Every structure is written in C-alpha cells, then in structure tokens.
Amino acid sequence: MNSKTPKASLTILTDLVLPGETNYLDNLFGGELLARMDRACSIAARRHSRRIVVTASVNHVAFNKSVPVGSVVTVEAKVSRAFRSSMEIFADVWIEDRLSGEKTKVNEGIYTFVAVDDTGKPVKIEQIIPETDLEKERFEGALRRKQLSLVLAGKLNPADATELKALFL
C-alpha cells in the first residue's frame, strides 16, 4: 500500500448558524456543532481510506468559545494518523467576524473512524506521512491518545503503553 499526506483528506465545511440551531442564549447548540464536525471528519476519513467509514469514538472536544446565531462557521478536518483500519481525524472549528472577516478558532475535536467493507468488517488502510510541523505534532500525539484510550477501555495493559510511559521518564 502507498502512503498519503494529511492534506489529501482535507475537508472544509462552511455553513451559517440559523436561529433554529441555537439555544436560549442564541448560541449554536453543542450537539449541532458536534454533528457538523462528525460530518466533516467522516468525509476526511472517506477521502483517506476510499472506503465506507464509521465513527468509532469522539476522543476529545473543547468548546472554547460560543458560536452566536448568524455566524459563518467553518470546520476543517483532516486525518492526523492512520493505523491498521482506524484513523484519527482532527477537526478545527472557526468563525468569521461579520465585519472584518477575521477568523477565530472556537473549537477543536478529535474523532476516530474505522474503514469497513460492505459487510462492516474492518479493512486495512494506507498510512499517513505528515508534512507540516502541526501535522507532525498531531501525528506523534495520535499514538499516545490511542494508547490512552485503549488503557482506559481495559484493552491495553498500562505497562505496555510505551508511548505514554515515555512521557513520564
């Protein structure tokens, strides 16, 4: 199998926040934002694997700033690391200032998707070769995040989490 770069999976979704998608404070519902992020990550995962993909987990979400009604929201997602059949996708969420057009990062999230065949069985996927400093940082962190998830789920003995242990040595 060949390797791909993260930019081959880059997905950018831009949309407007409408009144029916907001809470009593006229800010976008968190669940609505999660759904938009999930769609962008799904497309990025499919672009990388060229397979059917399913969401395996939402590993991290940070709601750093509210998203007011009328905002233009952009979700940028791309694969940060590919494993055997799973891949980690990092999503960055931005809003634009209505007057200046300046973008502000308001949220980020890390999703895990699994590539499957037509029967739902996991299939092997191509690896990622990061290019930029940010891609390299996210690539390296992905293995630690995966090991942490496996330890917390009881699927990996903490003594075998070599990447995590290295942080504390």
N, C-alpha and C. Protein backbone atom coordinates (compact mmCIF):
# COMPACT_ATOMS: atom_id res chain seq x y z
N MET A 1 0.82 -1.19 0.00
CA MET A 1 0.00 0.00 0.00
C MET A 1 0.87 1.26 0.00
N ASN A 2 0.39 2.27 -0.65
CA ASN A 2 1.08 3.55 -0.66
C ASN A 2 0.68 4.36 0.56
N SER A 3 1.46 5.40 0.82
CA SER A 3 1.11 6.32 1.90
C SER A 3 0.54 7.59 1.31
N LYS A 4 -0.20 8.33 2.12
CA LYS A 4 -0.79 9.59 1.71
C LYS A 4 -0.39 10.67 2.70
N THR A 5 -0.59 11.91 2.30
CA THR A 5 -0.36 13.02 3.21
C THR A 5 -1.70 13.45 3.81
N PRO A 6 -1.66 14.11 4.95
CA PRO A 6 -2.92 14.58 5.55
C PRO A 6 -3.70 15.52 4.64
N LYS A 7 -3.01 16.33 3.85
CA LYS A 7 -3.74 17.30 3.02
C LYS A 7 -4.62 16.62 1.97
N ALA A 8 -4.34 15.36 1.64
CA ALA A 8 -5.19 14.64 0.69
C ALA A 8 -6.59 14.39 1.26
N SER A 9 -6.71 14.43 2.58
CA SER A 9 -8.00 14.20 3.22
C SER A 9 -8.68 15.49 3.67
N LEU A 10 -8.04 16.61 3.47
CA LEU A 10 -8.57 17.89 3.97
C LEU A 10 -10.01 18.10 3.51
N THR A 11 -10.86 18.39 4.47
CA THR A 11 -12.27 18.66 4.21
C THR A 11 -12.62 19.97 4.90
N ILE A 12 -13.25 20.86 4.16
CA ILE A 12 -13.65 22.15 4.71
C ILE A 12 -15.15 22.31 4.49
N LEU A 13 -15.89 22.41 5.59
CA LEU A 13 -17.34 22.64 5.53
C LEU A 13 -17.62 24.02 6.11
N THR A 14 -18.30 24.85 5.35
CA THR A 14 -18.67 26.18 5.81
C THR A 14 -20.18 26.32 5.76
N ASP A 15 -20.75 26.86 6.83
CA ASP A 15 -22.20 26.98 6.92
C ASP A 15 -22.54 28.17 7.81
N LEU A 16 -23.81 28.54 7.78
CA LEU A 16 -24.33 29.65 8.57
C LEU A 16 -25.11 29.10 9.76
N VAL A 17 -24.99 29.75 10.92
CA VAL A 17 -25.76 29.35 12.10
C VAL A 17 -27.12 30.04 12.04
N LEU A 18 -28.16 29.23 11.97
CA LEU A 18 -29.53 29.73 11.86
C LEU A 18 -30.22 29.72 13.23
N PRO A 19 -31.26 30.54 13.41
CA PRO A 19 -31.93 30.63 14.71
C PRO A 19 -32.44 29.30 15.26
N GLY A 20 -32.90 28.41 14.41
CA GLY A 20 -33.42 27.12 14.86
C GLY A 20 -32.35 26.17 15.37
N GLU A 21 -31.09 26.53 15.25
CA GLU A 21 -29.97 25.69 15.68
C GLU A 21 -29.32 26.21 16.97
N THR A 22 -29.99 27.16 17.62
CA THR A 22 -29.38 27.82 18.77
C THR A 22 -30.15 27.57 20.07
N ASN A 23 -29.48 27.84 21.17
CA ASN A 23 -30.08 27.71 22.50
C ASN A 23 -30.72 29.03 22.92
N TYR A 24 -31.12 29.13 24.19
CA TYR A 24 -31.79 30.33 24.69
C TYR A 24 -30.88 31.56 24.70
N LEU A 25 -29.58 31.35 24.63
CA LEU A 25 -28.63 32.47 24.58
C LEU A 25 -28.28 32.85 23.14
N ASP A 26 -28.98 32.25 22.18
CA ASP A 26 -28.74 32.48 20.75
C ASP A 26 -27.34 32.05 20.31
N ASN A 27 -26.84 30.98 20.94
CA ASN A 27 -25.57 30.37 20.53
C ASN A 27 -25.85 28.97 19.99
N LEU A 28 -25.03 28.54 19.06
CA LEU A 28 -25.19 27.23 18.43
C LEU A 28 -25.20 26.13 19.49
N PHE A 29 -26.18 25.21 19.39
CA PHE A 29 -26.21 24.04 20.26
C PHE A 29 -24.91 23.26 20.09
N GLY A 30 -24.36 22.76 21.20
CA GLY A 30 -23.14 21.96 21.15
C GLY A 30 -23.33 20.71 20.30
N GLY A 31 -24.49 20.08 20.43
CA GLY A 31 -24.76 18.87 19.64
C GLY A 31 -24.81 19.14 18.15
N GLU A 32 -25.30 20.30 17.77
CA GLU A 32 -25.32 20.69 16.36
C GLU A 32 -23.90 20.85 15.84
N LEU A 33 -23.05 21.46 16.66
CA LEU A 33 -21.65 21.62 16.24
C LEU A 33 -20.96 20.26 16.14
N LEU A 34 -21.24 19.38 17.11
CA LEU A 34 -20.65 18.03 17.05
C LEU A 34 -21.07 17.29 15.79
N ALA A 35 -22.31 17.44 15.38
CA ALA A 35 -22.79 16.78 14.15
C ALA A 35 -22.06 17.32 12.93
N ARG A 36 -21.86 18.63 12.88
CA ARG A 36 -21.12 19.22 11.76
C ARG A 36 -19.68 18.72 11.73
N MET A 37 -19.08 18.64 12.91
CA MET A 37 -17.71 18.13 12.99
C MET A 37 -17.65 16.66 12.56
N ASP A 38 -18.62 15.87 12.99
CA ASP A 38 -18.67 14.45 12.64
C ASP A 38 -18.79 14.28 11.12
N ARG A 39 -19.62 15.10 10.48
CA ARG A 39 -19.75 15.01 9.01
C ARG A 39 -18.43 15.36 8.32
N ALA A 40 -17.78 16.43 8.75
CA ALA A 40 -16.51 16.82 8.13
C ALA A 40 -15.46 15.73 8.33
N CYS A 41 -15.39 15.18 9.55
CA CYS A 41 -14.41 14.12 9.83
C CYS A 41 -14.72 12.86 9.03
N SER A 42 -15.99 12.57 8.85
CA SER A 42 -16.39 11.41 8.06
C SER A 42 -15.91 11.54 6.61
N ILE A 43 -16.08 12.72 6.06
CA ILE A 43 -15.63 12.94 4.67
C ILE A 43 -14.12 12.83 4.59
N ALA A 44 -13.40 13.40 5.56
CA ALA A 44 -11.94 13.31 5.57
C ALA A 44 -11.49 11.85 5.66
N ALA A 45 -12.14 11.07 6.53
CA ALA A 45 -11.79 9.65 6.68
C ALA A 45 -12.07 8.88 5.40
N ARG A 46 -13.17 9.19 4.75
CA ARG A 46 -13.51 8.51 3.50
C ARG A 46 -12.52 8.89 2.39
N ARG A 47 -12.14 10.16 2.35
CA ARG A 47 -11.16 10.59 1.35
C ARG A 47 -9.83 9.87 1.52
N HIS A 48 -9.46 9.65 2.78
CA HIS A 48 -8.19 8.95 3.01
C HIS A 48 -8.30 7.47 2.67
N SER A 49 -9.34 6.83 3.15
CA SER A 49 -9.43 5.38 3.02
C SER A 49 -10.09 4.91 1.72
N ARG A 50 -10.90 5.77 1.11
CA ARG A 50 -11.70 5.40 -0.07
C ARG A 50 -12.58 4.20 0.23
N ARG A 51 -13.07 4.15 1.46
CA ARG A 51 -13.94 3.07 1.94
C ARG A 51 -15.12 3.65 2.69
N ILE A 52 -16.07 2.80 3.02
CA ILE A 52 -17.12 3.16 3.95
C ILE A 52 -16.43 3.39 5.29
N VAL A 53 -16.83 4.43 6.02
CA VAL A 53 -16.22 4.69 7.32
C VAL A 53 -17.32 4.86 8.37
N VAL A 54 -17.01 4.45 9.58
CA VAL A 54 -17.95 4.59 10.70
C VAL A 54 -17.24 5.29 11.85
N THR A 55 -18.00 6.10 12.56
CA THR A 55 -17.45 6.79 13.73
C THR A 55 -17.24 5.77 14.84
N ALA A 56 -16.02 5.66 15.33
CA ALA A 56 -15.72 4.75 16.43
C ALA A 56 -15.77 5.47 17.77
N SER A 57 -15.29 6.71 17.79
CA SER A 57 -15.33 7.47 19.04
C SER A 57 -15.08 8.95 18.78
N VAL A 58 -15.56 9.73 19.72
CA VAL A 58 -15.22 11.14 19.79
C VAL A 58 -14.28 11.23 20.99
N ASN A 59 -13.01 11.42 20.71
CA ASN A 59 -11.99 11.31 21.75
C ASN A 59 -11.81 12.58 22.56
N HIS A 60 -12.07 13.70 21.96
CA HIS A 60 -11.85 14.96 22.66
C HIS A 60 -12.63 16.05 21.94
N VAL A 61 -13.28 16.89 22.71
CA VAL A 61 -13.92 18.08 22.16
C VAL A 61 -13.71 19.20 23.16
N ALA A 62 -13.35 20.36 22.67
CA ALA A 62 -13.18 21.52 23.53
C ALA A 62 -14.05 22.65 23.00
N PHE A 63 -15.05 23.05 23.78
CA PHE A 63 -15.89 24.18 23.42
C PHE A 63 -15.25 25.43 24.04
N ASN A 64 -14.40 26.08 23.29
CA ASN A 64 -13.62 27.19 23.82
C ASN A 64 -14.33 28.54 23.74
N LYS A 65 -15.23 28.68 22.80
CA LYS A 65 -15.93 29.95 22.62
C LYS A 65 -17.30 29.66 22.01
N SER A 66 -18.29 30.41 22.44
CA SER A 66 -19.63 30.20 21.91
C SER A 66 -19.71 30.67 20.45
N VAL A 67 -20.68 30.12 19.74
CA VAL A 67 -20.87 30.44 18.32
C VAL A 67 -22.24 31.10 18.18
N PRO A 68 -22.28 32.43 18.03
CA PRO A 68 -23.57 33.13 18.00
C PRO A 68 -24.35 32.91 16.71
N VAL A 69 -25.68 33.06 16.84
CA VAL A 69 -26.55 32.98 15.68
C VAL A 69 -26.06 33.96 14.61
N GLY A 70 -26.15 33.55 13.36
CA GLY A 70 -25.69 34.38 12.25
C GLY A 70 -24.24 34.21 11.90
N SER A 71 -23.50 33.47 12.72
CA SER A 71 -22.07 33.27 12.45
C SER A 71 -21.86 32.40 11.23
N VAL A 72 -20.78 32.67 10.53
CA VAL A 72 -20.30 31.77 9.49
C VAL A 72 -19.31 30.84 10.18
N VAL A 73 -19.61 29.55 10.16
CA VAL A 73 -18.80 28.53 10.84
C VAL A 73 -18.09 27.68 9.80
N THR A 74 -16.80 27.48 10.00
CA THR A 74 -16.02 26.62 9.12
C THR A 74 -15.39 25.51 9.94
N VAL A 75 -15.62 24.27 9.51
CA VAL A 75 -14.99 23.11 10.13
C VAL A 75 -13.95 22.59 9.15
N GLU A 76 -12.70 22.52 9.62
CA GLU A 76 -11.60 21.97 8.81
C GLU A 76 -11.18 20.66 9.46
N ALA A 77 -11.24 19.58 8.69
CA ALA A 77 -10.90 18.26 9.21
C ALA A 77 -9.90 17.58 8.29
N LYS A 78 -8.96 16.87 8.91
CA LYS A 78 -8.06 16.02 8.11
C LYS A 78 -7.48 14.92 8.99
N VAL A 79 -7.12 13.83 8.35
CA VAL A 79 -6.58 12.67 9.05
C VAL A 79 -5.23 13.06 9.64
N SER A 80 -5.08 12.79 10.94
CA SER A 80 -3.81 13.08 11.60
C SER A 80 -2.91 11.84 11.69
N ARG A 81 -3.54 10.65 11.73
CA ARG A 81 -2.75 9.41 11.72
C ARG A 81 -3.66 8.26 11.33
N ALA A 82 -3.11 7.33 10.59
CA ALA A 82 -3.83 6.12 10.21
C ALA A 82 -3.15 4.93 10.89
N PHE A 83 -3.96 4.02 11.37
CA PHE A 83 -3.45 2.80 11.98
C PHE A 83 -3.80 1.65 11.04
N ARG A 84 -4.13 0.49 11.53
CA ARG A 84 -4.43 -0.64 10.64
C ARG A 84 -5.73 -0.38 9.86
N SER A 85 -6.83 -0.20 10.56
CA SER A 85 -8.10 0.09 9.90
C SER A 85 -8.74 1.37 10.45
N SER A 86 -8.20 1.85 11.54
CA SER A 86 -8.74 3.07 12.14
C SER A 86 -7.87 4.27 11.79
N MET A 87 -8.48 5.43 11.93
CA MET A 87 -7.74 6.66 11.69
C MET A 87 -8.24 7.74 12.63
N GLU A 88 -7.32 8.57 13.05
CA GLU A 88 -7.67 9.71 13.88
C GLU A 88 -7.83 10.92 12.98
N ILE A 89 -8.92 11.65 13.19
CA ILE A 89 -9.17 12.86 12.41
C ILE A 89 -9.26 14.02 13.37
N PHE A 90 -8.53 15.08 13.08
CA PHE A 90 -8.53 16.28 13.89
C PHE A 90 -9.40 17.31 13.20
N ALA A 91 -10.31 17.93 13.96
CA ALA A 91 -11.19 18.95 13.41
C ALA A 91 -10.95 20.27 14.13
N ASP A 92 -10.77 21.33 13.37
CA ASP A 92 -10.65 22.68 13.90
C ASP A 92 -11.87 23.46 13.45
N VAL A 93 -12.47 24.23 14.37
CA VAL A 93 -13.67 24.99 14.06
C VAL A 93 -13.37 26.48 14.20
N TRP A 94 -13.77 27.22 13.17
CA TRP A 94 -13.50 28.66 13.10
C TRP A 94 -14.80 29.42 12.86
N ILE A 95 -14.87 30.64 13.36
CA ILE A 95 -15.96 31.53 12.98
C ILE A 95 -15.34 32.80 12.41
N GLU A 96 -16.10 33.45 11.53
CA GLU A 96 -15.64 34.69 10.90
C GLU A 96 -16.31 35.88 11.55
N ASP A 97 -15.54 36.93 11.78
CA ASP A 97 -16.11 38.19 12.24
C ASP A 97 -16.93 38.76 11.09
N ARG A 98 -18.14 39.18 11.40
CA ARG A 98 -19.06 39.65 10.35
C ARG A 98 -18.54 40.88 9.61
N LEU A 99 -17.83 41.75 10.31
CA LEU A 99 -17.37 42.98 9.68
C LEU A 99 -15.99 42.85 9.05
N SER A 100 -15.03 42.29 9.79
CA SER A 100 -13.65 42.24 9.29
C SER A 100 -13.34 40.99 8.47
N GLY A 101 -14.11 39.92 8.71
CA GLY A 101 -13.82 38.65 8.04
C GLY A 101 -12.72 37.87 8.74
N GLU A 102 -12.18 38.43 9.83
CA GLU A 102 -11.12 37.75 10.58
C GLU A 102 -11.65 36.47 11.19
N LYS A 103 -10.85 35.40 11.11
CA LYS A 103 -11.28 34.11 11.64
C LYS A 103 -10.73 33.90 13.06
N THR A 104 -11.59 33.30 13.91
CA THR A 104 -11.22 32.97 15.28
C THR A 104 -11.49 31.50 15.50
N LYS A 105 -10.51 30.78 16.06
CA LYS A 105 -10.73 29.37 16.37
C LYS A 105 -11.58 29.28 17.63
N VAL A 106 -12.70 28.54 17.54
CA VAL A 106 -13.63 28.44 18.66
C VAL A 106 -13.72 27.04 19.25
N ASN A 107 -13.26 26.05 18.53
CA ASN A 107 -13.46 24.68 18.97
C ASN A 107 -12.48 23.77 18.25
N GLU A 108 -12.25 22.62 18.84
CA GLU A 108 -11.49 21.56 18.17
C GLU A 108 -11.97 20.23 18.70
N GLY A 109 -11.73 19.22 17.92
CA GLY A 109 -12.13 17.89 18.34
C GLY A 109 -11.31 16.82 17.64
N ILE A 110 -11.25 15.68 18.28
CA ILE A 110 -10.52 14.54 17.72
C ILE A 110 -11.48 13.37 17.64
N TYR A 111 -11.65 12.85 16.45
CA TYR A 111 -12.56 11.73 16.20
C TYR A 111 -11.75 10.53 15.72
N THR A 112 -12.28 9.34 15.97
CA THR A 112 -11.69 8.12 15.43
C THR A 112 -12.73 7.45 14.53
N PHE A 113 -12.30 7.12 13.33
CA PHE A 113 -13.15 6.41 12.37
C PHE A 113 -12.49 5.10 12.00
N VAL A 114 -13.30 4.14 11.60
CA VAL A 114 -12.81 2.85 11.13
C VAL A 114 -13.31 2.64 9.71
N ALA A 115 -12.41 2.21 8.84
CA ALA A 115 -12.78 1.88 7.46
C ALA A 115 -13.27 0.44 7.43
N VAL A 116 -14.40 0.23 6.75
CA VAL A 116 -15.00 -1.11 6.69
C VAL A 116 -15.38 -1.46 5.25
N ASP A 117 -15.57 -2.76 5.04
CA ASP A 117 -16.05 -3.21 3.73
C ASP A 117 -17.58 -3.19 3.71
N ASP A 118 -18.17 -3.72 2.65
CA ASP A 118 -19.63 -3.68 2.51
C ASP A 118 -20.37 -4.49 3.56
N THR A 119 -19.67 -5.38 4.26
CA THR A 119 -20.31 -6.17 5.31
C THR A 119 -20.04 -5.61 6.71
N GLY A 120 -19.30 -4.52 6.77
CA GLY A 120 -19.00 -3.90 8.05
C GLY A 120 -17.72 -4.41 8.70
N LYS A 121 -16.96 -5.23 7.98
CA LYS A 121 -15.71 -5.77 8.52
C LYS A 121 -14.58 -4.75 8.31
N PRO A 122 -13.78 -4.46 9.35
CA PRO A 122 -12.67 -3.51 9.20
C PRO A 122 -11.70 -3.94 8.10
N VAL A 123 -11.19 -2.96 7.36
CA VAL A 123 -10.24 -3.22 6.28
C VAL A 123 -8.98 -2.38 6.50
N LYS A 124 -7.88 -2.89 6.00
CA LYS A 124 -6.59 -2.20 6.13
C LYS A 124 -6.59 -0.94 5.26
N ILE A 125 -5.96 0.11 5.80
CA ILE A 125 -5.90 1.39 5.08
C ILE A 125 -4.46 1.86 4.95
N GLU A 126 -4.28 2.84 4.08
CA GLU A 126 -2.95 3.41 3.85
C GLU A 126 -2.51 4.27 5.04
N GLN A 127 -1.21 4.38 5.19
CA GLN A 127 -0.63 5.17 6.26
C GLN A 127 -0.54 6.64 5.87
N ILE A 128 -0.20 7.47 6.84
CA ILE A 128 -0.08 8.91 6.65
C ILE A 128 1.38 9.32 6.78
N ILE A 129 1.79 10.23 5.93
CA ILE A 129 3.11 10.86 6.06
C ILE A 129 2.87 12.35 6.31
N PRO A 130 3.06 12.80 7.57
CA PRO A 130 2.82 14.21 7.87
C PRO A 130 3.89 15.09 7.23
N GLU A 131 3.49 16.31 6.86
CA GLU A 131 4.42 17.22 6.20
C GLU A 131 4.72 18.47 7.04
N THR A 132 3.69 19.13 7.54
CA THR A 132 3.90 20.38 8.27
C THR A 132 4.24 20.09 9.73
N ASP A 133 4.72 21.10 10.44
CA ASP A 133 5.02 20.93 11.86
C ASP A 133 3.78 20.54 12.65
N LEU A 134 2.65 21.17 12.36
CA LEU A 134 1.41 20.84 13.06
C LEU A 134 0.97 19.41 12.75
N GLU A 135 1.07 18.99 11.49
CA GLU A 135 0.73 17.62 11.12
C GLU A 135 1.64 16.62 11.84
N LYS A 136 2.91 16.94 11.96
CA LYS A 136 3.86 16.05 12.66
C LYS A 136 3.53 15.97 14.14
N GLU A 137 3.18 17.11 14.75
CA GLU A 137 2.82 17.13 16.16
C GLU A 137 1.56 16.30 16.42
N ARG A 138 0.56 16.46 15.57
CA ARG A 138 -0.68 15.69 15.74
C ARG A 138 -0.46 14.21 15.46
N PHE A 139 0.39 13.90 14.49
CA PHE A 139 0.72 12.51 14.16
C PHE A 139 1.35 11.82 15.37
N GLU A 140 2.34 12.48 15.96
CA GLU A 140 3.04 11.89 17.12
C GLU A 140 2.09 11.72 18.30
N GLY A 141 1.25 12.70 18.54
CA GLY A 141 0.31 12.63 19.65
C GLY A 141 -0.76 11.56 19.47
N ALA A 142 -1.06 11.22 18.23
CA ALA A 142 -2.14 10.26 17.96
C ALA A 142 -1.87 8.90 18.58
N LEU A 143 -0.64 8.44 18.56
CA LEU A 143 -0.33 7.14 19.14
C LEU A 143 -0.51 7.17 20.66
N ARG A 144 -0.10 8.27 21.30
CA ARG A 144 -0.31 8.40 22.74
C ARG A 144 -1.80 8.44 23.07
N ARG A 145 -2.57 9.18 22.27
CA ARG A 145 -4.01 9.25 22.51
C ARG A 145 -4.66 7.89 22.32
N LYS A 146 -4.20 7.14 21.32
CA LYS A 146 -4.77 5.80 21.09
C LYS A 146 -4.44 4.88 22.26
N GLN A 147 -3.20 4.92 22.70
CA GLN A 147 -2.82 4.07 23.83
C GLN A 147 -3.62 4.43 25.09
N LEU A 148 -3.81 5.72 25.33
CA LEU A 148 -4.58 6.14 26.49
C LEU A 148 -6.02 5.62 26.40
N SER A 149 -6.63 5.73 25.24
CA SER A 149 -8.00 5.23 25.05
C SER A 149 -8.07 3.73 25.29
N LEU A 150 -7.08 3.00 24.80
CA LEU A 150 -7.07 1.54 24.99
C LEU A 150 -6.86 1.17 26.46
N VAL A 151 -6.00 1.90 27.16
CA VAL A 151 -5.79 1.64 28.58
C VAL A 151 -7.08 1.90 29.36
N LEU A 152 -7.72 3.04 29.08
CA LEU A 152 -8.96 3.39 29.79
C LEU A 152 -10.08 2.40 29.50
N ALA A 153 -10.08 1.81 28.30
CA ALA A 153 -11.11 0.83 27.94
C ALA A 153 -10.77 -0.57 28.44
N GLY A 154 -9.60 -0.73 29.05
CA GLY A 154 -9.19 -2.04 29.55
C GLY A 154 -8.70 -2.98 28.46
N LYS A 155 -8.36 -2.41 27.30
CA LYS A 155 -7.90 -3.23 26.17
C LYS A 155 -6.38 -3.25 26.02
N LEU A 156 -5.69 -2.47 26.85
CA LEU A 156 -4.23 -2.43 26.82
C LEU A 156 -3.73 -2.32 28.25
N ASN A 157 -2.80 -3.17 28.60
CA ASN A 157 -2.18 -3.12 29.91
C ASN A 157 -1.36 -1.83 30.00
N PRO A 158 -1.53 -1.03 31.06
CA PRO A 158 -0.76 0.22 31.18
C PRO A 158 0.75 0.03 31.03
N ALA A 159 1.26 -1.12 31.47
CA ALA A 159 2.69 -1.39 31.35
C ALA A 159 3.13 -1.50 29.89
N ASP A 160 2.18 -1.80 29.00
CA ASP A 160 2.51 -1.94 27.58
C ASP A 160 2.30 -0.65 26.79
N ALA A 161 1.87 0.40 27.44
CA ALA A 161 1.64 1.69 26.77
C ALA A 161 2.95 2.46 26.70
N THR A 162 3.82 2.02 25.84
CA THR A 162 5.19 2.55 25.77
C THR A 162 5.25 4.05 25.47
N GLU A 163 4.41 4.53 24.59
CA GLU A 163 4.42 5.95 24.23
C GLU A 163 3.97 6.80 25.41
N LEU A 164 3.00 6.32 26.16
CA LEU A 164 2.53 7.06 27.33
C LEU A 164 3.60 7.06 28.43
N LYS A 165 4.20 5.91 28.66
CA LYS A 165 5.24 5.81 29.70
C LYS A 165 6.41 6.73 29.38
N ALA A 166 6.73 6.89 28.12
CA ALA A 166 7.86 7.72 27.72
C ALA A 166 7.66 9.18 28.12
N LEU A 167 6.42 9.61 28.25
CA LEU A 167 6.15 10.99 28.67
C LEU A 167 6.61 11.26 30.09
N PHE A 168 6.65 10.21 30.92
CA PHE A 168 6.93 10.38 32.33
C PHE A 168 8.33 9.94 32.73
N LEU A 169 9.13 9.56 31.78
CA LEU A 169 10.51 9.12 32.09
C LEU A 169 11.49 10.23 31.94
